């Protein structure tokens, strides 16, 4: 996993991120730390537009190949990625990246 995607717009380069997962039902169970805190190296805006008409990074529409790379960098298969974000439900957030080698 090279990055994570979170809703909102609060992250910036140089922040520290604590990778965690829910141990059970989200928001109703304890969180488990999955590895050490990491420094945020890169941040991009990420959006799924109304009715899924647009999936983009920093306002640029992604190609299917770019979407597969994005899903892979988030440690998901393409279809799992779409399900996770409840595509075509709109979403606005950020890609929080701790791997300097990732580019979009």
N, C-alpha and C. Protein backbone atom coordinates (compact mmCIF):
# COMPACT_ATOMS: atom_id res chain seq x y z
N UNK A 1 0.85 -1.17 0.00
CA UNK A 1 0.00 0.00 0.00
C UNK A 1 0.90 1.23 0.00
N UNK A 2 0.73 2.07 -1.01
CA UNK A 2 1.56 3.27 -1.16
C UNK A 2 0.88 4.54 -0.68
N UNK A 3 -0.45 4.47 -0.55
CA UNK A 3 -1.19 5.65 -0.10
C UNK A 3 -2.56 5.23 0.39
N UNK A 4 -3.28 6.21 0.89
CA UNK A 4 -4.66 6.01 1.29
C UNK A 4 -5.47 7.19 0.79
N UNK A 5 -6.76 7.02 0.70
CA UNK A 5 -7.64 8.10 0.26
C UNK A 5 -8.61 8.38 1.38
N UNK A 6 -8.68 9.64 1.79
CA UNK A 6 -9.55 10.04 2.89
C UNK A 6 -10.40 11.22 2.47
N UNK A 7 -11.62 11.27 3.01
CA UNK A 7 -12.50 12.39 2.69
C UNK A 7 -11.98 13.66 3.35
N UNK A 8 -12.44 14.78 2.83
CA UNK A 8 -12.03 16.07 3.38
C UNK A 8 -10.79 16.62 2.71
N UNK A 9 -10.25 17.66 3.32
CA UNK A 9 -9.13 18.38 2.73
C UNK A 9 -8.21 18.91 3.82
N UNK A 10 -7.78 18.06 4.75
CA UNK A 10 -7.00 18.53 5.89
C UNK A 10 -5.53 18.17 5.85
N UNK A 11 -5.13 17.28 4.92
CA UNK A 11 -3.76 16.78 4.91
C UNK A 11 -2.84 17.64 4.04
N UNK A 12 -1.56 17.74 4.47
CA UNK A 12 -0.56 18.45 3.68
C UNK A 12 0.77 17.71 3.79
N UNK A 13 1.66 17.97 2.85
CA UNK A 13 2.99 17.36 2.85
C UNK A 13 3.68 17.73 4.17
N UNK A 14 4.32 16.74 4.78
CA UNK A 14 5.03 16.94 6.03
C UNK A 14 4.23 16.51 7.25
N UNK A 15 2.90 16.35 7.11
CA UNK A 15 2.10 15.83 8.21
C UNK A 15 2.50 14.38 8.47
N UNK A 16 2.14 13.87 9.64
CA UNK A 16 2.36 12.47 9.97
C UNK A 16 1.02 11.76 9.99
N UNK A 17 1.00 10.58 9.38
CA UNK A 17 -0.21 9.79 9.24
C UNK A 17 -0.05 8.47 10.00
N UNK A 18 -1.05 8.10 10.75
CA UNK A 18 -1.04 6.86 11.51
C UNK A 18 -1.98 5.85 10.84
N UNK A 19 -1.42 4.91 10.06
CA UNK A 19 -2.26 3.95 9.34
C UNK A 19 -2.98 2.99 10.30
N UNK A 20 -4.30 3.00 10.24
CA UNK A 20 -5.12 2.16 11.11
C UNK A 20 -6.30 1.59 10.33
N UNK A 21 -6.83 0.51 10.88
CA UNK A 21 -8.06 -0.08 10.35
C UNK A 21 -9.00 -0.34 11.51
N UNK A 22 -10.27 -0.46 11.21
CA UNK A 22 -11.24 -0.82 12.24
C UNK A 22 -11.11 -2.31 12.53
N UNK A 23 -11.21 -2.69 13.79
CA UNK A 23 -11.13 -4.11 14.14
C UNK A 23 -12.44 -4.84 13.86
N UNK A 24 -13.50 -4.11 13.69
CA UNK A 24 -14.81 -4.68 13.39
C UNK A 24 -15.61 -3.67 12.60
N UNK A 25 -16.81 -3.40 13.05
CA UNK A 25 -17.70 -2.47 12.36
C UNK A 25 -17.13 -1.04 12.45
N UNK A 26 -17.01 -0.34 11.29
CA UNK A 26 -16.47 1.02 11.31
C UNK A 26 -17.22 1.94 12.26
N UNK A 27 -16.48 2.74 12.98
CA UNK A 27 -16.98 3.74 13.93
C UNK A 27 -17.64 3.11 15.16
N UNK A 28 -17.68 1.78 15.23
CA UNK A 28 -18.30 1.11 16.37
C UNK A 28 -17.38 0.07 16.99
N UNK A 29 -16.12 0.07 16.56
CA UNK A 29 -15.15 -0.88 17.09
C UNK A 29 -13.80 -0.18 17.27
N UNK A 30 -12.91 -0.76 18.06
CA UNK A 30 -11.58 -0.17 18.23
C UNK A 30 -10.80 -0.20 16.91
N UNK A 31 -9.84 0.72 16.82
CA UNK A 31 -8.95 0.73 15.67
C UNK A 31 -7.67 -0.02 16.00
N UNK A 32 -7.09 -0.62 14.96
CA UNK A 32 -5.83 -1.32 15.08
C UNK A 32 -4.80 -0.62 14.20
N UNK A 33 -3.63 -0.32 14.75
CA UNK A 33 -2.55 0.29 13.97
C UNK A 33 -1.96 -0.80 13.08
N UNK A 34 -1.85 -0.52 11.76
CA UNK A 34 -1.35 -1.55 10.85
C UNK A 34 0.15 -1.42 10.58
N UNK A 35 0.73 -0.25 10.81
CA UNK A 35 2.18 -0.09 10.85
C UNK A 35 2.52 1.28 11.38
N UNK A 36 3.82 1.53 11.52
CA UNK A 36 4.29 2.76 12.16
C UNK A 36 3.78 4.00 11.45
N UNK A 37 3.71 5.10 12.20
CA UNK A 37 3.33 6.38 11.60
C UNK A 37 4.30 6.70 10.46
N UNK A 38 3.76 7.33 9.42
CA UNK A 38 4.56 7.68 8.25
C UNK A 38 4.39 9.16 7.93
N UNK A 39 5.43 9.74 7.36
CA UNK A 39 5.36 11.14 6.94
C UNK A 39 4.68 11.22 5.57
N UNK A 40 3.78 12.15 5.43
CA UNK A 40 3.09 12.37 4.16
C UNK A 40 4.05 13.06 3.20
N UNK A 41 4.33 12.40 2.08
CA UNK A 41 5.28 12.92 1.09
C UNK A 41 4.59 13.68 -0.04
N UNK A 42 3.35 13.26 -0.38
CA UNK A 42 2.61 13.89 -1.47
C UNK A 42 1.13 13.86 -1.14
N UNK A 43 0.41 14.84 -1.64
CA UNK A 43 -1.04 14.92 -1.45
C UNK A 43 -1.67 15.37 -2.76
N UNK A 44 -2.74 14.67 -3.16
CA UNK A 44 -3.50 15.07 -4.35
C UNK A 44 -4.98 15.14 -3.98
N UNK A 45 -5.70 16.02 -4.65
CA UNK A 45 -7.16 16.04 -4.51
C UNK A 45 -7.72 14.90 -5.35
N UNK A 46 -8.73 14.22 -4.80
CA UNK A 46 -9.37 13.10 -5.49
C UNK A 46 -10.87 13.32 -5.48
N UNK A 47 -11.50 13.04 -6.62
CA UNK A 47 -12.94 13.26 -6.70
C UNK A 47 -13.63 12.23 -7.59
N UNK A 48 -14.80 11.81 -7.14
CA UNK A 48 -15.75 11.06 -7.98
C UNK A 48 -16.93 12.00 -8.16
N UNK A 49 -17.19 12.41 -9.40
CA UNK A 49 -18.24 13.39 -9.68
C UNK A 49 -19.63 12.80 -9.60
N UNK A 50 -20.61 13.67 -9.67
CA UNK A 50 -22.03 13.27 -9.65
C UNK A 50 -22.28 12.13 -10.62
N UNK A 51 -22.98 11.11 -10.13
CA UNK A 51 -23.36 9.94 -10.92
C UNK A 51 -22.16 9.25 -11.59
N UNK A 52 -20.98 9.44 -11.00
CA UNK A 52 -19.79 8.76 -11.51
C UNK A 52 -19.30 9.23 -12.86
N UNK A 53 -19.76 10.40 -13.31
CA UNK A 53 -19.38 10.89 -14.63
C UNK A 53 -17.91 11.26 -14.72
N UNK A 54 -17.27 11.42 -13.56
CA UNK A 54 -15.90 11.92 -13.53
C UNK A 54 -15.19 11.30 -12.34
N UNK A 55 -14.03 10.70 -12.58
CA UNK A 55 -13.14 10.29 -11.51
C UNK A 55 -11.80 10.94 -11.82
N UNK A 56 -11.33 11.78 -10.91
CA UNK A 56 -10.13 12.53 -11.24
C UNK A 56 -9.23 12.84 -10.07
N UNK A 57 -8.03 13.23 -10.44
CA UNK A 57 -7.02 13.69 -9.49
C UNK A 57 -6.65 15.11 -9.89
N UNK A 58 -6.72 16.02 -8.92
CA UNK A 58 -6.43 17.44 -9.15
C UNK A 58 -7.18 17.98 -10.37
N UNK A 59 -8.42 17.53 -10.55
CA UNK A 59 -9.27 18.03 -11.62
C UNK A 59 -9.06 17.37 -12.97
N UNK A 60 -8.09 16.44 -13.07
CA UNK A 60 -7.82 15.75 -14.33
C UNK A 60 -8.52 14.40 -14.33
N UNK A 61 -9.34 14.17 -15.35
CA UNK A 61 -10.05 12.90 -15.50
C UNK A 61 -9.04 11.77 -15.71
N UNK A 62 -9.24 10.67 -14.99
CA UNK A 62 -8.35 9.52 -15.10
C UNK A 62 -8.80 8.55 -16.19
N UNK A 63 -7.85 7.98 -16.88
CA UNK A 63 -8.12 6.93 -17.86
C UNK A 63 -8.33 5.61 -17.11
N UNK A 64 -8.90 4.60 -17.77
CA UNK A 64 -9.02 3.29 -17.11
C UNK A 64 -7.68 2.73 -16.61
N UNK A 65 -6.62 2.92 -17.38
CA UNK A 65 -5.29 2.46 -16.97
C UNK A 65 -4.82 3.20 -15.73
N UNK A 66 -5.04 4.51 -15.68
CA UNK A 66 -4.66 5.30 -14.51
C UNK A 66 -5.49 4.91 -13.28
N UNK A 67 -6.77 4.60 -13.50
CA UNK A 67 -7.63 4.15 -12.40
C UNK A 67 -7.15 2.82 -11.82
N UNK A 68 -6.71 1.93 -12.67
CA UNK A 68 -6.18 0.65 -12.19
C UNK A 68 -4.91 0.87 -11.37
N UNK A 69 -4.04 1.78 -11.83
CA UNK A 69 -2.82 2.08 -11.08
C UNK A 69 -3.16 2.71 -9.73
N UNK A 70 -4.14 3.61 -9.72
CA UNK A 70 -4.58 4.24 -8.47
C UNK A 70 -5.09 3.18 -7.49
N UNK A 71 -5.94 2.29 -7.96
CA UNK A 71 -6.46 1.22 -7.11
C UNK A 71 -5.33 0.36 -6.57
N UNK A 72 -4.38 -0.01 -7.43
CA UNK A 72 -3.26 -0.83 -7.02
C UNK A 72 -2.40 -0.15 -5.97
N UNK A 73 -2.17 1.14 -6.12
CA UNK A 73 -1.39 1.89 -5.13
C UNK A 73 -2.12 2.00 -3.80
N UNK A 74 -3.43 1.79 -3.82
CA UNK A 74 -4.22 1.78 -2.60
C UNK A 74 -4.46 0.35 -2.11
N UNK A 75 -3.73 -0.60 -2.72
CA UNK A 75 -3.76 -2.03 -2.37
C UNK A 75 -5.12 -2.69 -2.63
N UNK A 76 -5.79 -2.23 -3.69
CA UNK A 76 -7.09 -2.79 -4.06
C UNK A 76 -7.10 -3.15 -5.54
N UNK A 77 -7.89 -4.14 -5.89
CA UNK A 77 -8.17 -4.43 -7.29
C UNK A 77 -9.17 -3.37 -7.76
N UNK A 78 -9.20 -3.13 -9.05
CA UNK A 78 -10.04 -2.07 -9.62
C UNK A 78 -11.50 -2.16 -9.17
N UNK A 79 -12.11 -3.34 -9.31
CA UNK A 79 -13.53 -3.49 -8.95
C UNK A 79 -13.74 -3.30 -7.44
N UNK A 80 -12.80 -3.78 -6.62
CA UNK A 80 -12.89 -3.59 -5.17
C UNK A 80 -12.78 -2.11 -4.82
N UNK A 81 -11.94 -1.40 -5.54
CA UNK A 81 -11.79 0.05 -5.35
C UNK A 81 -13.12 0.76 -5.59
N UNK A 82 -13.77 0.43 -6.71
CA UNK A 82 -15.06 1.05 -7.02
C UNK A 82 -16.11 0.72 -5.96
N UNK A 83 -16.13 -0.52 -5.51
CA UNK A 83 -17.08 -0.91 -4.46
C UNK A 83 -16.79 -0.17 -3.15
N UNK A 84 -15.50 -0.05 -2.80
CA UNK A 84 -15.12 0.63 -1.55
C UNK A 84 -15.67 2.05 -1.53
N UNK A 85 -15.57 2.73 -2.66
CA UNK A 85 -16.05 4.11 -2.74
C UNK A 85 -17.51 4.22 -3.16
N UNK A 86 -18.20 3.10 -3.19
CA UNK A 86 -19.61 3.04 -3.51
C UNK A 86 -19.92 3.76 -4.83
N UNK A 87 -19.02 3.56 -5.80
CA UNK A 87 -19.21 4.14 -7.13
C UNK A 87 -20.59 3.76 -7.66
N UNK A 88 -21.35 4.71 -8.19
CA UNK A 88 -21.03 6.06 -8.63
C UNK A 88 -21.34 7.16 -7.61
N UNK A 89 -21.42 6.85 -6.35
CA UNK A 89 -21.69 7.86 -5.33
C UNK A 89 -20.58 8.93 -5.35
N UNK A 90 -20.96 10.22 -5.32
CA UNK A 90 -19.95 11.28 -5.33
C UNK A 90 -19.05 11.21 -4.10
N UNK A 91 -17.80 11.63 -4.28
CA UNK A 91 -16.81 11.63 -3.21
C UNK A 91 -15.80 12.73 -3.47
N UNK A 92 -15.40 13.43 -2.41
CA UNK A 92 -14.31 14.41 -2.51
C UNK A 92 -13.38 14.18 -1.34
N UNK A 93 -12.11 14.09 -1.65
CA UNK A 93 -11.13 13.87 -0.59
C UNK A 93 -9.73 14.06 -1.11
N UNK A 94 -8.79 13.40 -0.43
CA UNK A 94 -7.38 13.52 -0.78
C UNK A 94 -6.73 12.16 -0.83
N UNK A 95 -5.75 12.05 -1.71
CA UNK A 95 -4.85 10.91 -1.72
C UNK A 95 -3.68 11.32 -0.84
N UNK A 96 -3.43 10.55 0.20
CA UNK A 96 -2.37 10.83 1.16
C UNK A 96 -1.28 9.80 0.91
N UNK A 97 -0.15 10.23 0.36
CA UNK A 97 0.87 9.32 -0.13
C UNK A 97 2.16 9.43 0.69
N UNK A 98 2.71 8.27 1.07
CA UNK A 98 3.96 8.24 1.82
C UNK A 98 5.10 7.62 1.00
N UNK A 99 4.85 7.33 -0.27
CA UNK A 99 5.86 6.76 -1.15
C UNK A 99 6.28 7.82 -2.17
N UNK A 100 7.53 8.24 -2.08
CA UNK A 100 8.02 9.31 -2.98
C UNK A 100 8.02 8.92 -4.45
N UNK A 101 7.95 7.63 -4.75
CA UNK A 101 8.02 7.17 -6.13
C UNK A 101 6.68 7.17 -6.86
N UNK A 102 5.60 7.42 -6.16
CA UNK A 102 4.27 7.44 -6.79
C UNK A 102 4.04 8.80 -7.44
N UNK A 103 3.57 8.77 -8.67
CA UNK A 103 3.23 9.99 -9.42
C UNK A 103 1.89 9.83 -10.09
N UNK A 104 1.13 10.90 -10.15
CA UNK A 104 -0.13 10.92 -10.88
C UNK A 104 -0.16 12.13 -11.78
